[in-house]
């Protein structure tokens, strides 16, 4: 498939999986490193090294004029693939963010697990989200994805628990999606929307990236 042209201010469903459908996460530390790498590379300009960020040096330094390349609204990290819901904030923001974080995580993974070669299956895949209905359905789809795993729940591998106000997320913007839902009526809450209704096939079909992605 051909990815859409990325326009600043637009929203996109982003997806990629491991080469040959291999796992891209082996243990809890891999998930933690992936999230740390997302956090680090979604901003620009960057500190000199990701290793400094990991040790807390970056947090002590003031980064002048730092901006977000992308706004991250939802994500899901499955054993062999990932989904993101993003908005591009600056020109080439999505491409630069994904390229830098994927290269960095691949270097980490290959070093830690003693392998060589590409980790991801080619370039990432993307679909543009053209209206509010699509936006909400993609967020639901991403947060329901872990249900496909046995012995899992919606909160284990995704940003979902932060939508339930269990903890403040360091870089994922939850308030934008939550603004579409009631904070006082449980029947009209985001949790009800995600957990008590299925994804609308007629909507999400247009936004799925690969018929064999899950």
N, C-alpha and C. Protein backbone atom coordinates (compact mmCIF):
# COMPACT_ATOMS: atom_id res chain seq x y z
N UNK A 1 0.84 -1.19 0.00
CA UNK A 1 0.00 0.00 0.00
C UNK A 1 0.87 1.24 0.00
N UNK A 2 0.33 2.36 -0.48
CA UNK A 2 1.04 3.63 -0.49
C UNK A 2 0.52 4.49 0.65
N UNK A 3 1.43 4.99 1.47
CA UNK A 3 1.01 5.85 2.57
C UNK A 3 0.50 7.17 2.05
N UNK A 4 -0.40 7.82 2.78
CA UNK A 4 -0.90 9.13 2.36
C UNK A 4 0.19 10.19 2.52
N UNK A 5 -0.01 11.31 1.87
CA UNK A 5 0.86 12.46 2.09
C UNK A 5 0.53 13.03 3.47
N UNK A 6 1.55 13.23 4.29
CA UNK A 6 1.32 13.69 5.65
C UNK A 6 1.21 15.21 5.68
N UNK A 7 0.06 15.69 6.12
CA UNK A 7 -0.22 17.11 6.18
C UNK A 7 -0.24 17.56 7.63
N UNK A 8 0.45 18.64 7.90
CA UNK A 8 0.48 19.18 9.26
C UNK A 8 -0.92 19.55 9.72
N UNK A 9 -1.28 19.08 10.93
CA UNK A 9 -2.61 19.33 11.48
C UNK A 9 -3.57 18.19 11.28
N UNK A 10 -3.21 17.20 10.46
CA UNK A 10 -4.09 16.05 10.22
C UNK A 10 -3.75 14.89 11.15
N UNK A 11 -4.72 13.97 11.27
CA UNK A 11 -4.62 12.82 12.17
C UNK A 11 -4.40 11.54 11.36
N UNK A 12 -3.63 10.60 11.94
CA UNK A 12 -3.28 9.38 11.20
C UNK A 12 -3.25 8.17 12.13
N UNK A 13 -3.69 7.05 11.57
CA UNK A 13 -3.53 5.74 12.21
C UNK A 13 -2.24 5.15 11.64
N UNK A 14 -1.27 4.88 12.52
CA UNK A 14 0.05 4.39 12.13
C UNK A 14 0.22 2.97 12.64
N UNK A 15 0.81 2.13 11.79
CA UNK A 15 0.97 0.72 12.16
C UNK A 15 2.26 0.17 11.59
N UNK A 16 2.90 -0.73 12.34
CA UNK A 16 3.98 -1.55 11.78
C UNK A 16 4.14 -2.80 12.63
N UNK A 17 4.76 -3.82 12.06
CA UNK A 17 4.98 -5.06 12.78
C UNK A 17 6.41 -5.54 12.57
N UNK A 18 6.77 -6.58 13.30
CA UNK A 18 8.10 -7.13 13.19
C UNK A 18 8.32 -7.80 11.85
N UNK A 19 9.57 -7.75 11.38
CA UNK A 19 9.91 -8.41 10.12
C UNK A 19 9.59 -9.91 10.27
N UNK A 20 9.00 -10.47 9.21
CA UNK A 20 8.57 -11.86 9.22
C UNK A 20 7.60 -12.14 10.38
N UNK A 21 6.90 -11.10 10.82
CA UNK A 21 5.92 -11.18 11.91
C UNK A 21 6.54 -11.63 13.24
N UNK A 22 7.84 -11.40 13.38
CA UNK A 22 8.52 -11.78 14.61
C UNK A 22 8.14 -10.84 15.74
N UNK A 23 8.33 -11.28 16.97
CA UNK A 23 8.06 -10.43 18.12
C UNK A 23 9.05 -9.28 18.18
N UNK A 24 8.54 -8.11 18.51
CA UNK A 24 9.40 -6.94 18.69
C UNK A 24 9.56 -6.60 20.17
N UNK A 25 8.87 -7.37 21.03
CA UNK A 25 9.02 -7.25 22.48
C UNK A 25 9.21 -8.65 23.05
N UNK A 26 10.25 -8.81 23.86
CA UNK A 26 10.53 -10.10 24.48
C UNK A 26 10.21 -10.09 25.97
N UNK A 27 10.41 -8.93 26.59
CA UNK A 27 10.20 -8.84 28.04
C UNK A 27 9.74 -7.43 28.41
N UNK A 28 9.48 -7.23 29.68
CA UNK A 28 8.96 -5.95 30.17
C UNK A 28 9.92 -4.80 29.88
N UNK A 29 11.21 -5.06 29.99
CA UNK A 29 12.19 -4.00 29.73
C UNK A 29 12.10 -3.49 28.29
N UNK A 30 11.80 -4.38 27.34
CA UNK A 30 11.65 -3.96 25.95
C UNK A 30 10.49 -2.98 25.80
N UNK A 31 9.36 -3.28 26.43
CA UNK A 31 8.22 -2.36 26.39
C UNK A 31 8.61 -1.01 26.97
N UNK A 32 9.30 -1.03 28.09
CA UNK A 32 9.71 0.21 28.75
C UNK A 32 10.65 1.02 27.86
N UNK A 33 11.58 0.34 27.20
CA UNK A 33 12.51 1.03 26.31
C UNK A 33 11.78 1.63 25.12
N UNK A 34 10.81 0.90 24.57
CA UNK A 34 10.04 1.39 23.43
C UNK A 34 9.31 2.68 23.79
N UNK A 35 8.67 2.69 24.96
CA UNK A 35 7.94 3.88 25.40
C UNK A 35 8.88 5.04 25.68
N UNK A 36 10.01 4.76 26.29
CA UNK A 36 11.00 5.80 26.53
C UNK A 36 11.49 6.40 25.23
N UNK A 37 11.70 5.56 24.24
CA UNK A 37 12.17 6.02 22.93
C UNK A 37 11.10 6.86 22.24
N UNK A 38 9.83 6.47 22.34
CA UNK A 38 8.75 7.30 21.82
C UNK A 38 8.76 8.68 22.45
N UNK A 39 8.86 8.70 23.76
CA UNK A 39 8.86 9.97 24.50
C UNK A 39 10.01 10.85 24.04
N UNK A 40 11.18 10.28 23.94
CA UNK A 40 12.38 11.06 23.61
C UNK A 40 12.31 11.66 22.21
N UNK A 41 11.90 10.86 21.22
CA UNK A 41 12.01 11.29 19.82
C UNK A 41 10.78 12.01 19.30
N UNK A 42 9.73 12.17 20.09
CA UNK A 42 8.58 12.91 19.55
C UNK A 42 8.76 14.41 19.71
N UNK A 43 9.89 14.84 20.26
CA UNK A 43 10.19 16.26 20.41
C UNK A 43 11.41 16.66 19.60
N UNK A 44 11.54 17.95 19.34
CA UNK A 44 12.72 18.50 18.69
C UNK A 44 12.92 19.93 19.16
N UNK A 45 14.16 20.43 19.30
CA UNK A 45 15.43 19.71 19.16
C UNK A 45 15.66 18.76 20.32
N UNK A 46 16.64 17.86 20.13
CA UNK A 46 16.88 16.80 21.11
C UNK A 46 18.13 17.08 21.93
N UNK A 47 18.20 16.50 23.13
CA UNK A 47 19.47 16.46 23.84
C UNK A 47 20.47 15.63 23.02
N UNK A 48 21.70 15.61 23.42
CA UNK A 48 22.74 14.97 22.61
C UNK A 48 22.52 13.47 22.49
N UNK A 49 22.13 12.80 23.58
CA UNK A 49 22.04 11.35 23.56
C UNK A 49 20.81 10.86 24.33
N UNK A 50 20.23 9.78 23.83
CA UNK A 50 19.13 9.15 24.55
C UNK A 50 19.61 8.60 25.89
N UNK A 51 20.86 8.17 25.96
CA UNK A 51 21.40 7.64 27.22
C UNK A 51 21.38 8.71 28.31
N UNK A 52 21.61 9.97 27.95
CA UNK A 52 21.51 11.05 28.92
C UNK A 52 20.09 11.20 29.43
N UNK A 53 19.13 11.08 28.51
CA UNK A 53 17.72 11.16 28.88
C UNK A 53 17.36 10.05 29.87
N UNK A 54 17.86 8.84 29.62
CA UNK A 54 17.57 7.71 30.50
C UNK A 54 18.11 7.93 31.90
N UNK A 55 19.25 8.60 32.00
CA UNK A 55 19.86 8.83 33.31
C UNK A 55 19.28 10.05 34.01
N UNK A 56 18.36 10.75 33.33
CA UNK A 56 17.73 11.92 33.94
C UNK A 56 18.45 13.22 33.68
N UNK A 57 19.54 13.17 32.90
CA UNK A 57 20.30 14.39 32.63
C UNK A 57 19.47 15.37 31.81
N UNK A 58 18.73 14.83 30.81
CA UNK A 58 17.93 15.68 29.93
C UNK A 58 16.89 16.46 30.72
N UNK A 59 16.30 15.84 31.73
CA UNK A 59 15.25 16.50 32.48
C UNK A 59 15.81 17.69 33.27
N UNK A 60 17.07 17.62 33.60
CA UNK A 60 17.69 18.70 34.37
C UNK A 60 18.12 19.86 33.47
N UNK A 61 18.22 19.60 32.18
CA UNK A 61 18.63 20.63 31.24
C UNK A 61 17.41 21.29 30.61
N UNK A 62 17.49 22.57 30.38
CA UNK A 62 16.41 23.26 29.69
C UNK A 62 16.69 23.23 28.20
N UNK A 63 15.77 22.65 27.44
CA UNK A 63 15.91 22.56 26.00
C UNK A 63 15.18 23.75 25.38
N UNK A 64 15.92 24.67 24.83
CA UNK A 64 15.33 25.90 24.30
C UNK A 64 14.47 25.61 23.08
N UNK A 65 13.28 26.20 23.05
CA UNK A 65 12.39 26.15 21.89
C UNK A 65 12.03 24.72 21.48
N UNK A 66 11.94 23.81 22.44
CA UNK A 66 11.59 22.43 22.12
C UNK A 66 10.10 22.33 21.81
N UNK A 67 9.76 21.63 20.73
CA UNK A 67 8.37 21.46 20.32
C UNK A 67 8.10 19.99 20.05
N UNK A 68 6.81 19.63 19.99
CA UNK A 68 6.42 18.26 19.66
C UNK A 68 6.31 18.10 18.15
N UNK A 69 7.02 17.13 17.60
CA UNK A 69 6.87 16.81 16.18
C UNK A 69 5.48 16.28 15.90
N UNK A 70 4.98 15.47 16.84
CA UNK A 70 3.66 14.86 16.70
C UNK A 70 2.94 14.94 18.04
N UNK A 71 1.63 14.88 17.99
CA UNK A 71 0.81 14.70 19.18
C UNK A 71 0.42 13.23 19.22
N UNK A 72 0.69 12.57 20.34
CA UNK A 72 0.38 11.16 20.49
C UNK A 72 -0.90 11.04 21.32
N UNK A 73 -1.95 10.46 20.72
CA UNK A 73 -3.24 10.36 21.39
C UNK A 73 -3.52 8.96 21.95
N UNK A 74 -3.16 7.93 21.22
CA UNK A 74 -3.40 6.56 21.67
C UNK A 74 -2.31 5.67 21.09
N UNK A 75 -2.00 4.60 21.82
CA UNK A 75 -1.07 3.62 21.29
C UNK A 75 -1.38 2.25 21.88
N UNK A 76 -0.93 1.24 21.17
CA UNK A 76 -1.05 -0.14 21.63
C UNK A 76 0.19 -0.89 21.19
N UNK A 77 0.87 -1.54 22.13
CA UNK A 77 2.08 -2.30 21.84
C UNK A 77 1.77 -3.78 22.02
N UNK A 78 1.65 -4.47 20.90
CA UNK A 78 1.39 -5.91 20.92
C UNK A 78 2.72 -6.65 20.77
N UNK A 79 2.75 -7.95 21.03
CA UNK A 79 4.03 -8.65 20.96
C UNK A 79 4.78 -8.50 19.64
N UNK A 80 4.05 -8.47 18.51
CA UNK A 80 4.74 -8.38 17.23
C UNK A 80 4.34 -7.19 16.36
N UNK A 81 3.58 -6.25 16.92
CA UNK A 81 3.24 -5.06 16.14
C UNK A 81 2.78 -3.93 17.07
N UNK A 82 2.65 -2.73 16.49
CA UNK A 82 2.17 -1.59 17.27
C UNK A 82 1.19 -0.77 16.45
N UNK A 83 0.34 -0.03 17.17
CA UNK A 83 -0.57 0.94 16.57
C UNK A 83 -0.40 2.27 17.27
N UNK A 84 -0.41 3.35 16.51
CA UNK A 84 -0.40 4.70 17.06
C UNK A 84 -1.55 5.50 16.46
N UNK A 85 -2.11 6.42 17.24
CA UNK A 85 -3.00 7.47 16.74
C UNK A 85 -2.26 8.78 16.95
N UNK A 86 -1.89 9.45 15.85
CA UNK A 86 -1.04 10.63 15.91
C UNK A 86 -1.65 11.81 15.14
N UNK A 87 -1.24 13.00 15.53
CA UNK A 87 -1.45 14.20 14.72
C UNK A 87 -0.09 14.77 14.38
N UNK A 88 0.09 15.15 13.13
CA UNK A 88 1.35 15.79 12.74
C UNK A 88 1.31 17.26 13.12
N UNK A 89 2.29 17.70 13.91
CA UNK A 89 2.34 19.09 14.37
C UNK A 89 3.19 19.99 13.50
N UNK A 90 4.21 19.44 12.86
CA UNK A 90 5.10 20.22 12.00
C UNK A 90 5.35 19.43 10.73
N UNK A 91 5.76 20.10 9.68
CA UNK A 91 6.02 19.42 8.41
C UNK A 91 7.06 18.31 8.60
N UNK A 92 6.77 17.16 8.04
CA UNK A 92 7.63 15.96 8.12
C UNK A 92 7.74 15.43 9.55
N UNK A 93 6.85 15.86 10.44
CA UNK A 93 6.94 15.45 11.83
C UNK A 93 6.76 13.96 12.02
N UNK A 94 5.75 13.36 11.37
CA UNK A 94 5.50 11.94 11.54
C UNK A 94 6.66 11.12 10.98
N UNK A 95 7.12 11.46 9.79
CA UNK A 95 8.22 10.71 9.18
C UNK A 95 9.48 10.78 10.03
N UNK A 96 9.83 11.96 10.51
CA UNK A 96 11.04 12.11 11.31
C UNK A 96 10.92 11.39 12.65
N UNK A 97 9.77 11.51 13.29
CA UNK A 97 9.57 10.83 14.57
C UNK A 97 9.69 9.32 14.42
N UNK A 98 8.97 8.74 13.45
CA UNK A 98 8.97 7.30 13.30
C UNK A 98 10.33 6.77 12.86
N UNK A 99 11.00 7.50 12.00
CA UNK A 99 12.32 7.04 11.54
C UNK A 99 13.32 7.01 12.69
N UNK A 100 13.35 8.09 13.48
CA UNK A 100 14.33 8.17 14.56
C UNK A 100 14.05 7.16 15.68
N UNK A 101 12.78 7.05 16.06
CA UNK A 101 12.49 6.14 17.16
C UNK A 101 12.66 4.68 16.72
N UNK A 102 12.29 4.35 15.47
CA UNK A 102 12.43 2.98 15.00
C UNK A 102 13.90 2.58 14.89
N UNK A 103 14.73 3.49 14.39
CA UNK A 103 16.16 3.20 14.29
C UNK A 103 16.78 3.01 15.67
N UNK A 104 16.39 3.86 16.61
CA UNK A 104 16.94 3.79 17.96
C UNK A 104 16.51 2.50 18.66
N UNK A 105 15.21 2.17 18.56
CA UNK A 105 14.73 0.97 19.23
C UNK A 105 15.34 -0.29 18.61
N UNK A 106 15.51 -0.29 17.29
CA UNK A 106 16.13 -1.44 16.63
C UNK A 106 17.55 -1.65 17.12
N UNK A 107 18.32 -0.57 17.28
CA UNK A 107 19.68 -0.69 17.79
C UNK A 107 19.67 -1.28 19.20
N UNK A 108 18.76 -0.77 20.03
CA UNK A 108 18.65 -1.30 21.40
C UNK A 108 18.30 -2.79 21.37
N UNK A 109 17.27 -3.15 20.60
CA UNK A 109 16.77 -4.52 20.58
C UNK A 109 17.84 -5.48 20.06
N UNK A 110 18.51 -5.09 18.97
CA UNK A 110 19.53 -5.97 18.39
C UNK A 110 20.71 -6.17 19.34
N UNK A 111 21.09 -5.11 20.04
CA UNK A 111 22.19 -5.23 20.99
C UNK A 111 21.80 -6.12 22.16
N UNK A 112 20.62 -5.87 22.71
CA UNK A 112 20.19 -6.61 23.89
C UNK A 112 19.93 -8.08 23.60
N UNK A 113 19.39 -8.36 22.43
CA UNK A 113 18.99 -9.74 22.12
C UNK A 113 19.94 -10.41 21.12
N UNK A 114 21.08 -9.78 20.89
CA UNK A 114 22.17 -10.37 20.11
C UNK A 114 21.70 -10.82 18.72
N UNK A 115 21.17 -9.87 17.97
CA UNK A 115 20.75 -10.15 16.61
C UNK A 115 21.21 -9.02 15.71
N UNK A 116 21.10 -9.21 14.40
CA UNK A 116 21.45 -8.19 13.44
C UNK A 116 20.33 -8.06 12.42
N UNK A 117 20.32 -6.95 11.69
CA UNK A 117 19.36 -6.76 10.62
C UNK A 117 18.14 -5.98 11.04
N UNK A 118 17.24 -5.72 10.09
CA UNK A 118 16.02 -4.95 10.37
C UNK A 118 15.15 -5.65 11.40
N UNK A 119 14.47 -4.85 12.21
CA UNK A 119 13.52 -5.40 13.18
C UNK A 119 12.09 -5.26 12.68
N UNK A 120 11.80 -4.17 11.97
CA UNK A 120 10.44 -3.90 11.50
C UNK A 120 10.28 -4.29 10.03
N UNK A 121 9.04 -4.55 9.65
CA UNK A 121 8.72 -5.00 8.30
C UNK A 121 8.62 -3.79 7.37
N UNK A 122 9.76 -3.38 6.85
CA UNK A 122 9.79 -2.25 5.94
C UNK A 122 9.41 -0.96 6.62
N UNK A 123 8.90 -0.01 5.85
CA UNK A 123 8.48 1.26 6.40
C UNK A 123 7.13 1.08 7.10
N UNK A 124 6.78 2.04 7.93
CA UNK A 124 5.50 2.00 8.63
C UNK A 124 4.35 2.20 7.65
N UNK A 125 3.16 1.79 8.05
CA UNK A 125 1.95 1.97 7.25
C UNK A 125 1.08 3.03 7.91
N UNK A 126 0.30 3.75 7.12
CA UNK A 126 -0.50 4.85 7.66
C UNK A 126 -1.80 5.02 6.88
N UNK A 127 -2.84 5.46 7.61
CA UNK A 127 -4.11 5.87 7.01
C UNK A 127 -4.53 7.20 7.62
N UNK A 128 -4.99 8.12 6.78
CA UNK A 128 -5.46 9.40 7.26
C UNK A 128 -6.84 9.25 7.90
N UNK A 129 -7.10 10.00 8.95
CA UNK A 129 -8.38 10.00 9.65
C UNK A 129 -9.08 11.30 9.30
N UNK A 130 -10.25 11.20 8.68
CA UNK A 130 -10.84 12.36 8.03
C UNK A 130 -11.96 13.03 8.80
N UNK A 131 -12.46 12.43 9.88
CA UNK A 131 -13.51 13.09 10.64
C UNK A 131 -13.52 12.59 12.07
N UNK A 132 -14.36 13.20 12.91
CA UNK A 132 -14.39 12.87 14.33
C UNK A 132 -14.82 11.43 14.57
N UNK A 133 -15.78 10.93 13.80
CA UNK A 133 -16.25 9.57 13.99
C UNK A 133 -15.10 8.58 13.77
N UNK A 134 -14.34 8.79 12.72
CA UNK A 134 -13.19 7.92 12.45
C UNK A 134 -12.18 8.01 13.57
N UNK A 135 -11.94 9.23 14.05
CA UNK A 135 -10.96 9.44 15.12
C UNK A 135 -11.30 8.62 16.35
N UNK A 136 -12.54 8.67 16.77
CA UNK A 136 -12.96 7.96 17.97
C UNK A 136 -12.95 6.45 17.76
N UNK A 137 -13.35 6.00 16.59
CA UNK A 137 -13.35 4.57 16.32
C UNK A 137 -11.93 4.00 16.26
N UNK A 138 -10.99 4.76 15.74
CA UNK A 138 -9.60 4.30 15.71
C UNK A 138 -9.04 4.20 17.13
N UNK A 139 -9.34 5.19 17.96
CA UNK A 139 -8.88 5.13 19.35
C UNK A 139 -9.46 3.90 20.05
N UNK A 140 -10.75 3.63 19.82
CA UNK A 140 -11.37 2.44 20.40
C UNK A 140 -10.70 1.17 19.86
N UNK A 141 -10.50 1.11 18.56
CA UNK A 141 -9.88 -0.05 17.94
C UNK A 141 -8.50 -0.32 18.54
N UNK A 142 -7.70 0.72 18.71
CA UNK A 142 -6.37 0.58 19.28
C UNK A 142 -6.44 0.05 20.70
N UNK A 143 -7.35 0.60 21.50
CA UNK A 143 -7.44 0.20 22.90
C UNK A 143 -8.10 -1.16 23.10
N UNK A 144 -8.85 -1.64 22.12
CA UNK A 144 -9.44 -2.98 22.20
C UNK A 144 -8.51 -4.05 21.64
N UNK A 145 -7.45 -3.66 20.97
CA UNK A 145 -6.56 -4.62 20.32
C UNK A 145 -6.03 -5.70 21.25
N UNK A 146 -5.65 -5.39 22.49
CA UNK A 146 -5.12 -6.44 23.38
C UNK A 146 -6.13 -7.54 23.71
N UNK A 147 -7.41 -7.32 23.47
CA UNK A 147 -8.39 -8.37 23.74
C UNK A 147 -8.13 -9.61 22.89
N UNK A 148 -7.37 -9.43 21.81
CA UNK A 148 -7.06 -10.56 20.94
C UNK A 148 -6.05 -11.50 21.57
N UNK A 149 -5.36 -11.03 22.61
CA UNK A 149 -4.40 -11.87 23.31
C UNK A 149 -5.10 -12.66 24.41
N UNK A 150 -4.71 -13.88 24.61
CA UNK A 150 -5.25 -14.65 25.73
C UNK A 150 -4.64 -14.14 27.03
N UNK A 151 -5.42 -14.21 28.09
CA UNK A 151 -4.96 -13.81 29.43
C UNK A 151 -4.46 -12.37 29.46
N UNK A 152 -5.13 -11.49 28.77
CA UNK A 152 -4.73 -10.08 28.79
C UNK A 152 -5.95 -9.21 29.06
N UNK A 153 -5.71 -7.97 29.33
CA UNK A 153 -6.81 -7.02 29.46
C UNK A 153 -6.46 -5.77 28.67
N UNK A 154 -7.41 -4.84 28.62
CA UNK A 154 -7.24 -3.67 27.78
C UNK A 154 -6.12 -2.75 28.24
N UNK A 155 -5.70 -2.88 29.49
CA UNK A 155 -4.77 -1.90 30.05
C UNK A 155 -3.31 -2.34 30.01
N UNK A 156 -3.06 -3.59 29.70
CA UNK A 156 -1.72 -4.13 29.85
C UNK A 156 -0.71 -3.59 28.85
N UNK A 157 -1.13 -3.36 27.61
CA UNK A 157 -0.19 -3.08 26.54
C UNK A 157 -0.45 -1.75 25.83
N UNK A 158 -1.26 -0.89 26.43
CA UNK A 158 -1.67 0.30 25.70
C UNK A 158 -1.75 1.52 26.60
N UNK A 159 -2.18 2.63 26.00
CA UNK A 159 -2.39 3.88 26.75
C UNK A 159 -3.73 3.90 27.46
N UNK A 160 -4.48 2.81 27.37
CA UNK A 160 -5.87 2.83 27.85
C UNK A 160 -5.99 3.17 29.33
N UNK A 161 -5.14 2.62 30.17
CA UNK A 161 -5.29 2.86 31.61
C UNK A 161 -5.17 4.34 31.94
N UNK A 162 -4.45 5.08 31.13
CA UNK A 162 -4.32 6.52 31.38
C UNK A 162 -5.62 7.25 31.03
N UNK A 163 -6.39 6.68 30.13
CA UNK A 163 -7.71 7.24 29.82
C UNK A 163 -8.69 7.03 30.96
N UNK A 164 -8.38 6.09 31.83
CA UNK A 164 -9.24 5.83 32.98
C UNK A 164 -8.72 6.56 34.21
N UNK A 165 -7.77 7.46 34.01
CA UNK A 165 -7.22 8.31 35.07
C UNK A 165 -6.56 7.50 36.18
N UNK A 166 -5.97 6.37 35.80
CA UNK A 166 -5.23 5.59 36.78
C UNK A 166 -3.87 6.21 37.06
N UNK A 167 -3.36 6.97 36.09
CA UNK A 167 -2.06 7.61 36.25
C UNK A 167 -1.94 8.68 35.18
N UNK A 168 -1.10 9.66 35.40
CA UNK A 168 -0.87 10.71 34.41
C UNK A 168 0.18 10.24 33.43
N UNK A 169 -0.12 10.35 32.14
CA UNK A 169 0.82 9.88 31.13
C UNK A 169 1.91 10.91 30.88
N UNK A 170 3.16 10.47 30.72
CA UNK A 170 4.25 11.44 30.51
C UNK A 170 4.23 12.12 29.15
N UNK A 171 3.62 11.49 28.12
CA UNK A 171 3.66 12.13 26.81
C UNK A 171 2.42 11.92 25.96
N UNK A 172 1.47 11.10 26.38
CA UNK A 172 0.26 10.83 25.60
C UNK A 172 -0.84 11.80 26.00
N UNK A 173 -1.42 12.49 25.03
CA UNK A 173 -2.51 13.43 25.27
C UNK A 173 -3.83 12.68 25.34
N UNK A 174 -4.35 12.50 26.53
CA UNK A 174 -5.62 11.79 26.71
C UNK A 174 -6.83 12.72 26.72
N UNK A 175 -6.61 13.96 27.05
CA UNK A 175 -7.74 14.88 27.27
C UNK A 175 -8.51 15.19 25.99
N UNK A 176 -7.83 15.19 24.86
CA UNK A 176 -8.50 15.53 23.61
C UNK A 176 -9.59 14.52 23.29
N UNK A 177 -9.28 13.24 23.31
CA UNK A 177 -10.28 12.21 23.04
C UNK A 177 -11.35 12.19 24.12
N UNK A 178 -10.92 12.34 25.37
CA UNK A 178 -11.88 12.31 26.49
C UNK A 178 -12.87 13.47 26.43
N UNK A 179 -12.50 14.56 25.77
CA UNK A 179 -13.39 15.71 25.70
C UNK A 179 -14.68 15.41 24.92
N UNK A 180 -14.69 14.33 24.16
CA UNK A 180 -15.89 13.94 23.42
C UNK A 180 -16.89 13.17 24.30
N UNK A 181 -16.49 12.84 25.52
CA UNK A 181 -17.29 11.96 26.36
C UNK A 181 -17.62 12.61 27.69
N UNK A 182 -18.64 12.04 28.35
CA UNK A 182 -19.08 12.56 29.64
C UNK A 182 -18.12 12.13 30.74
N UNK A 183 -17.86 13.05 31.68
CA UNK A 183 -17.05 12.73 32.85
C UNK A 183 -17.91 12.37 34.06
N UNK A 184 -19.22 12.54 33.92
CA UNK A 184 -20.12 12.31 35.06
C UNK A 184 -21.12 11.18 34.82
N UNK A 185 -21.43 10.88 33.57
CA UNK A 185 -22.40 9.82 33.25
C UNK A 185 -21.65 8.57 32.77
N UNK A 186 -21.60 7.51 33.55
CA UNK A 186 -20.87 6.30 33.17
C UNK A 186 -21.33 5.70 31.84
N UNK A 187 -22.60 5.86 31.53
CA UNK A 187 -23.12 5.29 30.29
C UNK A 187 -22.64 6.03 29.04
N UNK A 188 -22.14 7.24 29.25
CA UNK A 188 -21.64 8.04 28.13
C UNK A 188 -20.14 8.30 28.25
N UNK A 189 -19.47 7.49 29.03
CA UNK A 189 -18.03 7.66 29.27
C UNK A 189 -17.20 6.99 28.18
N UNK A 190 -15.94 7.34 28.13
CA UNK A 190 -15.03 6.69 27.18
C UNK A 190 -14.88 5.20 27.51
N UNK A 191 -14.85 4.87 28.79
CA UNK A 191 -14.73 3.47 29.19
C UNK A 191 -15.91 2.66 28.67
N UNK A 192 -17.11 3.19 28.78
CA UNK A 192 -18.29 2.51 28.24
C UNK A 192 -18.19 2.37 26.73
N UNK A 193 -17.75 3.41 26.06
CA UNK A 193 -17.60 3.41 24.61
C UNK A 193 -16.63 2.30 24.16
N UNK A 194 -15.53 2.15 24.87
CA UNK A 194 -14.52 1.16 24.50
C UNK A 194 -14.93 -0.26 24.88
N UNK A 195 -15.42 -0.44 26.08
CA UNK A 195 -15.60 -1.78 26.63
C UNK A 195 -16.98 -2.39 26.37
N UNK A 196 -17.99 -1.57 26.15
CA UNK A 196 -19.34 -2.10 26.07
C UNK A 196 -19.92 -2.09 24.66
N UNK A 197 -19.19 -1.59 23.70
CA UNK A 197 -19.66 -1.62 22.32
C UNK A 197 -18.52 -2.07 21.42
N UNK A 198 -18.89 -2.75 20.32
CA UNK A 198 -17.89 -3.19 19.37
C UNK A 198 -17.44 -2.04 18.48
N UNK A 199 -16.28 -2.20 17.87
CA UNK A 199 -15.84 -1.25 16.87
C UNK A 199 -16.78 -1.33 15.68
N UNK A 200 -17.13 -0.18 15.10
CA UNK A 200 -18.03 -0.15 13.95
C UNK A 200 -17.28 -0.60 12.71
N UNK A 201 -17.64 -1.78 12.20
CA UNK A 201 -16.92 -2.35 11.06
C UNK A 201 -16.95 -1.44 9.84
N UNK A 202 -18.08 -0.79 9.60
CA UNK A 202 -18.21 0.03 8.40
C UNK A 202 -17.26 1.23 8.44
N UNK A 203 -16.91 1.66 9.65
CA UNK A 203 -16.00 2.79 9.81
C UNK A 203 -14.56 2.32 9.85
N UNK A 204 -14.27 1.35 10.71
CA UNK A 204 -12.89 0.97 10.93
C UNK A 204 -12.30 0.25 9.73
N UNK A 205 -13.13 -0.40 8.91
CA UNK A 205 -12.63 -1.09 7.72
C UNK A 205 -11.87 -0.13 6.81
N UNK A 206 -12.32 1.11 6.73
CA UNK A 206 -11.66 2.09 5.88
C UNK A 206 -10.31 2.52 6.44
N UNK A 207 -10.10 2.26 7.73
CA UNK A 207 -8.90 2.75 8.40
C UNK A 207 -7.93 1.64 8.77
N UNK A 208 -8.30 0.38 8.48
CA UNK A 208 -7.37 -0.71 8.70
C UNK A 208 -6.29 -0.67 7.63
N UNK A 209 -5.10 -1.07 8.02
CA UNK A 209 -3.94 -0.86 7.20
C UNK A 209 -3.51 -2.13 6.48
N UNK A 210 -3.70 -3.26 7.13
CA UNK A 210 -3.25 -4.53 6.58
C UNK A 210 -4.26 -5.60 7.02
N UNK A 211 -4.89 -6.31 6.10
CA UNK A 211 -5.90 -7.30 6.50
C UNK A 211 -5.35 -8.40 7.40
N UNK A 212 -4.03 -8.56 7.44
CA UNK A 212 -3.42 -9.57 8.29
C UNK A 212 -2.64 -8.95 9.43
N UNK A 213 -2.97 -7.74 9.82
CA UNK A 213 -2.13 -7.02 10.78
C UNK A 213 -2.24 -7.58 12.20
N UNK A 214 -3.33 -8.21 12.56
CA UNK A 214 -3.49 -8.64 13.95
C UNK A 214 -3.36 -10.16 14.09
